[in-house]
Amino acid sequence: MADGAAVAAPVRLSKGGYEKELARLQTELVRMQEWIVSTSTRLVVVMEGRDTAGKGGTIKRMTERLNPRHYRVVALGKPSERERAQWYFQRYITHLPAGGEIVFFDRSWYTRAGVERVMGFCSDEEYEEFLRFCPQFERALARSGIRLVKYWLSLSDDEQERRFTERIRNPEKRWKLSDLDLQARAHWVDYAEAKDQMFAYTDIREAPWSVVDADDKRSARLNLISHLLSTVPYERVSHPDVMLPPRQNRGYQRPPIDSQTWIPRRYIVG
């Protein structure tokens, strides 16, 4: 942005307005995906941030209406013994997209610069090698034609504490809380330092970081989706006119309905 350029004031939305705008943006995501498929574009979206920042929820809203044949969500768990013996990036390279695909990383190779660094799961040498090599790796992805978009969801201390408390009290969200999350809470400043160091090395021109204010989940989702759409130069893909063929009609006698086992009708809506 040029010095002195005006910044439009954010639009305030009600809950109903949020739902309406989210639906509009989701429609645009479908159009973006159609363009990606038609042009064999490869898109990688990296989602990083503190625990409870809303990475998974934002990905869920982004993918809600997409064609599942042409996107994948990668949320890797603890590495196996074999994976720990591999070259670090090898585990992630296998998940990169082919032409016409979108891959959303719910945490990514940046795990090494975050939780592994803070919790001592990697050595100083492994961490320093990551910082040296990661920019080269991402420049190589860009040269290969992969569009790499990286988001950091920024969360305040007070809001994280509120969300952790909600997870503890809400049985529907209790599964989201791990022992590692609680340990991360005790290392708040260590994580801040690790994030700043990570940005210093990996906020590169070919793959810059974009920071999202995530204290309000609804606002964060709309702002992030809107930004993602602005980074991809997609165009509407034309579709041929579709006419339903006439339904087949021949003399086949189906078995009686009561010959099948139906589930109980516990609900009737409308």
Protein backbone atom coordinates (compact mmCIF):
# COMPACT_ATOMS: atom_id res chain seq x y z
CA MET A 1 0.00 0.00 0.00
CA ALA A 2 1.35 3.40 -0.93
CA ASP A 3 2.19 5.87 1.82
CA GLY A 4 -0.84 7.95 2.69
CA ALA A 5 -3.29 5.64 0.93
CA ALA A 6 -6.73 5.71 2.51
CA VAL A 7 -7.92 2.62 4.34
CA ALA A 8 -11.65 1.95 4.18
CA ALA A 9 -13.39 1.73 7.54
CA PRO A 10 -14.47 -1.82 8.42
CA VAL A 11 -18.13 -2.67 7.94
CA ARG A 12 -20.02 -3.52 11.13
CA LEU A 13 -22.35 -6.47 10.76
CA SER A 14 -25.05 -8.03 12.90
CA LYS A 15 -25.12 -11.80 13.37
CA GLY A 16 -27.58 -12.02 10.50
CA GLY A 17 -25.35 -9.78 8.41
CA TYR A 18 -22.39 -12.02 9.20
CA GLU A 19 -24.27 -15.11 8.00
CA LYS A 20 -25.28 -13.35 4.80
CA GLU A 21 -21.76 -12.10 4.07
CA LEU A 22 -20.27 -15.50 4.89
CA ALA A 23 -22.65 -17.14 2.41
CA ARG A 24 -21.61 -14.62 -0.26
CA LEU A 25 -17.92 -15.23 0.35
CA GLN A 26 -18.44 -19.00 0.32
CA THR A 27 -20.06 -18.67 -3.10
CA GLU A 28 -16.99 -16.79 -4.27
CA LEU A 29 -14.78 -19.56 -2.87
CA VAL A 30 -16.72 -22.04 -5.01
CA ARG A 31 -16.08 -19.85 -8.06
CA MET A 32 -12.41 -19.62 -7.12
CA GLN A 33 -12.21 -23.39 -6.84
CA GLU A 34 -13.85 -23.86 -10.24
CA TRP A 35 -11.21 -21.57 -11.75
CA ILE A 36 -8.44 -23.46 -9.95
CA VAL A 37 -9.73 -26.76 -11.34
CA SER A 38 -10.17 -25.39 -14.86
CA THR A 39 -6.66 -23.87 -14.94
CA SER A 40 -4.88 -26.68 -13.04
CA THR A 41 -3.71 -24.14 -10.49
CA ARG A 42 -2.15 -25.42 -7.25
CA LEU A 43 -3.02 -23.54 -4.07
CA VAL A 44 -1.65 -24.10 -0.56
CA VAL A 45 -3.19 -22.26 2.39
CA VAL A 46 -1.17 -22.46 5.62
CA MET A 47 -3.05 -21.73 8.84
CA GLU A 48 -0.95 -21.06 11.93
CA GLY A 49 -1.49 -19.37 15.27
CA ARG A 50 -1.79 -20.00 18.98
CA ASP A 51 -4.00 -22.74 20.37
CA THR A 52 -7.73 -21.77 20.28
CA ALA A 53 -7.05 -19.07 17.64
CA GLY A 54 -9.76 -20.54 15.39
CA LYS A 55 -7.74 -22.21 12.64
CA GLY A 56 -9.94 -25.28 12.35
CA GLY A 57 -13.20 -23.33 12.52
CA THR A 58 -12.07 -20.96 9.79
CA ILE A 59 -11.03 -23.85 7.55
CA LYS A 60 -14.42 -25.46 8.15
CA ARG A 61 -16.20 -22.32 6.91
CA MET A 62 -13.90 -22.03 3.91
CA THR A 63 -14.48 -25.62 2.80
CA GLU A 64 -18.16 -25.89 3.72
CA ARG A 65 -19.42 -25.49 0.15
CA LEU A 66 -16.37 -26.56 -1.83
CA ASN A 67 -16.22 -29.66 -4.01
CA PRO A 68 -14.49 -32.25 -1.77
CA ARG A 69 -12.90 -33.92 -4.80
CA HIS A 70 -10.65 -30.93 -5.34
CA TYR A 71 -9.51 -29.88 -1.87
CA ARG A 72 -7.89 -31.52 1.14
CA VAL A 73 -7.42 -30.48 4.75
CA VAL A 74 -4.11 -31.64 6.22
CA ALA A 75 -3.99 -31.74 10.02
CA LEU A 76 -1.12 -34.05 10.90
CA GLY A 77 -0.82 -35.62 14.31
CA LYS A 78 2.22 -36.74 16.22
CA PRO A 79 4.87 -38.12 13.80
CA SER A 80 5.52 -41.85 13.75
CA GLU A 81 8.92 -43.35 14.47
CA ARG A 82 9.51 -43.67 10.72
CA GLU A 83 8.51 -40.06 10.10
CA ARG A 84 10.84 -38.87 12.85
CA ALA A 85 13.66 -40.63 10.98
CA GLN A 86 12.81 -38.85 7.70
CA TRP A 87 14.02 -35.53 6.37
CA TYR A 88 11.76 -33.07 8.20
CA PHE A 89 10.00 -31.60 5.15
CA GLN A 90 9.43 -35.03 3.59
CA ARG A 91 6.32 -35.54 5.71
CA TYR A 92 4.71 -32.40 4.31
CA ILE A 93 5.80 -32.63 0.69
CA THR A 94 3.65 -35.72 0.17
CA HIS A 95 0.55 -33.60 0.92
CA LEU A 96 1.23 -30.80 -1.58
CA PRO A 97 -1.47 -30.32 -4.25
CA ALA A 98 -1.54 -31.56 -7.79
CA GLY A 99 -2.96 -29.38 -10.57
CA GLY A 100 -6.50 -28.24 -9.83
CA GLU A 101 -6.28 -28.84 -6.08
CA ILE A 102 -6.38 -26.74 -2.90
CA VAL A 103 -4.65 -27.95 0.26
CA PHE A 104 -5.39 -26.34 3.61
CA PHE A 105 -2.75 -27.00 6.26
CA ASP A 106 -4.21 -26.84 9.78
CA ARG A 107 -0.73 -26.33 11.16
CA SER A 108 2.13 -27.10 8.84
CA TRP A 109 5.91 -27.42 8.66
CA TYR A 110 5.98 -24.38 10.96
CA THR A 111 5.34 -26.77 13.85
CA ARG A 112 9.13 -26.97 14.09
CA ALA A 113 9.45 -23.23 14.64
CA GLY A 114 6.62 -23.20 17.18
CA VAL A 115 5.67 -26.06 19.44
CA GLU A 116 8.79 -28.15 18.73
CA ARG A 117 11.07 -25.23 19.49
CA VAL A 118 9.25 -24.11 22.63
CA MET A 119 8.62 -27.56 24.08
CA GLY A 120 12.08 -28.89 23.27
CA PHE A 121 10.92 -31.52 20.77
CA CYS A 122 13.75 -30.63 18.38
CA SER A 123 17.41 -29.81 18.91
CA ASP A 124 18.93 -26.36 18.47
CA GLU A 125 20.66 -27.62 15.32
CA GLU A 126 17.38 -28.91 13.83
CA TYR A 127 15.67 -25.61 14.61
CA GLU A 128 18.45 -23.50 13.10
CA GLU A 129 18.50 -25.69 9.98
CA PHE A 130 14.75 -25.18 9.64
CA LEU A 131 15.12 -21.41 9.74
CA ARG A 132 17.87 -21.55 7.10
CA PHE A 133 16.10 -23.93 4.77
CA CYS A 134 12.42 -22.96 5.07
CA PRO A 135 12.68 -19.77 2.95
CA GLN A 136 14.49 -21.77 0.25
CA PHE A 137 11.80 -24.44 0.38
CA GLU A 138 9.00 -21.91 -0.02
CA ARG A 139 10.79 -20.08 -2.83
CA ALA A 140 11.10 -23.44 -4.59
CA LEU A 141 7.36 -23.99 -4.20
CA ALA A 142 6.70 -20.56 -5.71
CA ARG A 143 9.06 -21.24 -8.63
CA SER A 144 7.25 -24.52 -9.30
CA GLY A 145 4.00 -22.60 -9.72
CA ILE A 146 2.38 -23.35 -6.36
CA ARG A 147 0.49 -20.45 -4.83
CA LEU A 148 1.41 -20.39 -1.14
CA VAL A 149 -0.68 -18.23 1.18
CA LYS A 150 0.30 -18.12 4.87
CA TYR A 151 -1.93 -16.86 7.68
CA TRP A 152 -1.11 -16.25 11.32
CA LEU A 153 -4.21 -15.94 13.50
CA SER A 154 -3.28 -13.51 16.26
CA LEU A 155 -4.97 -13.99 19.62
CA SER A 156 -4.75 -11.94 22.81
CA ASP A 157 -3.85 -13.43 26.17
CA ASP A 158 -7.27 -12.66 27.68
CA GLU A 159 -9.20 -14.13 24.76
CA GLN A 160 -7.16 -17.32 24.76
CA GLU A 161 -7.83 -17.75 28.47
CA ARG A 162 -11.56 -17.29 27.86
CA ARG A 163 -11.56 -19.91 25.09
CA PHE A 164 -9.55 -22.38 27.15
CA THR A 165 -12.03 -21.96 30.01
CA GLU A 166 -14.92 -22.54 27.61
CA ARG A 167 -13.32 -25.76 26.38
CA ILE A 168 -12.88 -27.00 29.92
CA ARG A 169 -16.53 -26.34 30.78
CA ASN A 170 -18.19 -27.32 27.51
CA PRO A 171 -18.40 -31.11 26.97
CA GLU A 172 -18.80 -30.54 23.21
CA LYS A 173 -15.41 -28.82 23.07
CA ARG A 174 -13.53 -30.70 25.78
CA TRP A 175 -11.92 -33.00 23.20
CA LYS A 176 -10.13 -29.99 21.70
CA LEU A 177 -8.10 -29.48 24.87
CA SER A 178 -4.88 -31.46 25.14
CA ASP A 179 -2.14 -31.63 27.74
CA LEU A 180 0.12 -29.89 25.23
CA ASP A 181 -2.38 -27.00 25.00
CA LEU A 182 -2.17 -26.49 28.75
CA GLN A 183 1.61 -26.56 28.65
CA ALA A 184 1.55 -24.02 25.82
CA ARG A 185 -0.50 -21.73 28.01
CA ALA A 186 2.30 -21.76 30.57
CA HIS A 187 4.79 -20.81 27.81
CA TRP A 188 2.95 -17.73 26.48
CA VAL A 189 6.05 -15.51 26.22
CA ASP A 190 8.19 -18.33 24.81
CA TYR A 191 5.66 -18.80 22.00
CA ALA A 192 5.60 -15.06 21.31
CA GLU A 193 9.39 -15.02 21.02
CA ALA A 194 9.35 -18.11 18.75
CA LYS A 195 6.72 -16.53 16.50
CA ASP A 196 8.71 -13.30 16.17
CA GLN A 197 11.87 -15.24 15.32
CA MET A 198 9.98 -17.32 12.78
CA PHE A 199 8.62 -14.21 11.07
CA ALA A 200 12.07 -12.63 10.96
CA TYR A 201 13.32 -15.52 8.80
CA THR A 202 10.24 -16.62 6.84
CA ASP A 203 8.26 -13.46 6.05
CA ILE A 204 9.62 -13.44 2.51
CA ARG A 205 8.46 -11.66 -0.63
CA GLU A 206 7.60 -14.89 -2.43
CA ALA A 207 5.50 -16.14 0.50
CA PRO A 208 4.71 -13.37 2.99
CA TRP A 209 2.86 -13.85 6.24
CA SER A 210 -0.57 -12.25 6.62
CA VAL A 211 -1.66 -11.63 10.21
CA VAL A 212 -5.34 -11.91 11.14
CA ASP A 213 -6.87 -10.33 14.25
CA ALA A 214 -8.60 -13.44 15.62
CA ASP A 215 -10.06 -12.15 18.91
CA ASP A 216 -13.50 -12.11 17.27
CA LYS A 217 -14.04 -15.36 15.38
CA ARG A 218 -16.72 -14.11 13.01
CA SER A 219 -14.73 -11.05 11.99
CA ALA A 220 -11.57 -13.14 11.56
CA ARG A 221 -13.32 -15.59 9.26
CA LEU A 222 -14.75 -12.92 6.99
CA ASN A 223 -11.50 -10.93 6.85
CA LEU A 224 -9.38 -13.98 6.10
CA ILE A 225 -11.68 -15.39 3.41
CA SER A 226 -11.97 -11.98 1.77
CA HIS A 227 -8.18 -11.63 1.75
CA LEU A 228 -7.67 -15.13 0.33
CA LEU A 229 -10.06 -14.37 -2.52
CA SER A 230 -8.10 -11.19 -3.27
CA THR A 231 -4.82 -13.14 -3.61
CA VAL A 232 -6.07 -15.49 -6.34
CA PRO A 233 -6.75 -13.88 -9.75
CA TYR A 234 -9.71 -16.15 -10.46
CA GLU A 235 -12.41 -15.55 -13.03
CA ARG A 236 -15.85 -17.02 -13.37
CA VAL A 237 -15.88 -20.28 -15.26
CA SER A 238 -18.67 -20.58 -17.80
CA HIS A 239 -20.91 -23.63 -17.62
CA PRO A 240 -22.88 -25.21 -20.47
CA ASP A 241 -26.66 -25.13 -20.25
CA VAL A 242 -27.97 -28.22 -18.50
CA MET A 243 -31.25 -29.96 -19.23
CA LEU A 244 -32.50 -32.90 -17.22
CA PRO A 245 -33.09 -35.97 -19.39
CA PRO A 246 -36.52 -37.60 -19.20
CA ARG A 247 -36.86 -40.14 -16.44
CA GLN A 248 -36.69 -43.76 -17.52
CA ASN A 249 -40.06 -45.48 -17.70
CA ARG A 250 -40.30 -49.24 -18.03
CA GLY A 251 -42.31 -52.00 -16.47
CA TYR A 252 -40.23 -52.90 -13.43
CA GLN A 253 -42.08 -53.99 -10.31
CA ARG A 254 -40.24 -52.93 -7.14
CA PRO A 255 -40.49 -54.99 -3.94
CA PRO A 256 -42.98 -53.81 -1.29
CA ILE A 257 -41.77 -51.03 1.02
CA ASP A 258 -42.30 -53.10 4.15
CA SER A 259 -39.74 -55.64 2.91
CA GLN A 260 -36.99 -53.15 3.87
CA THR A 261 -35.84 -52.09 7.34
CA TRP A 262 -36.54 -48.40 7.90
CA ILE A 263 -35.14 -46.33 10.76
CA PRO A 264 -37.73 -44.91 13.21
CA ARG A 265 -39.20 -41.52 12.32
CA ARG A 266 -38.26 -39.66 15.48
CA TYR A 267 -38.46 -36.20 13.92
CA ILE A 268 -40.69 -34.45 11.43
CA VAL A 269 -39.61 -30.95 10.42
CA GLY A 270 -42.05 -28.44 9.03
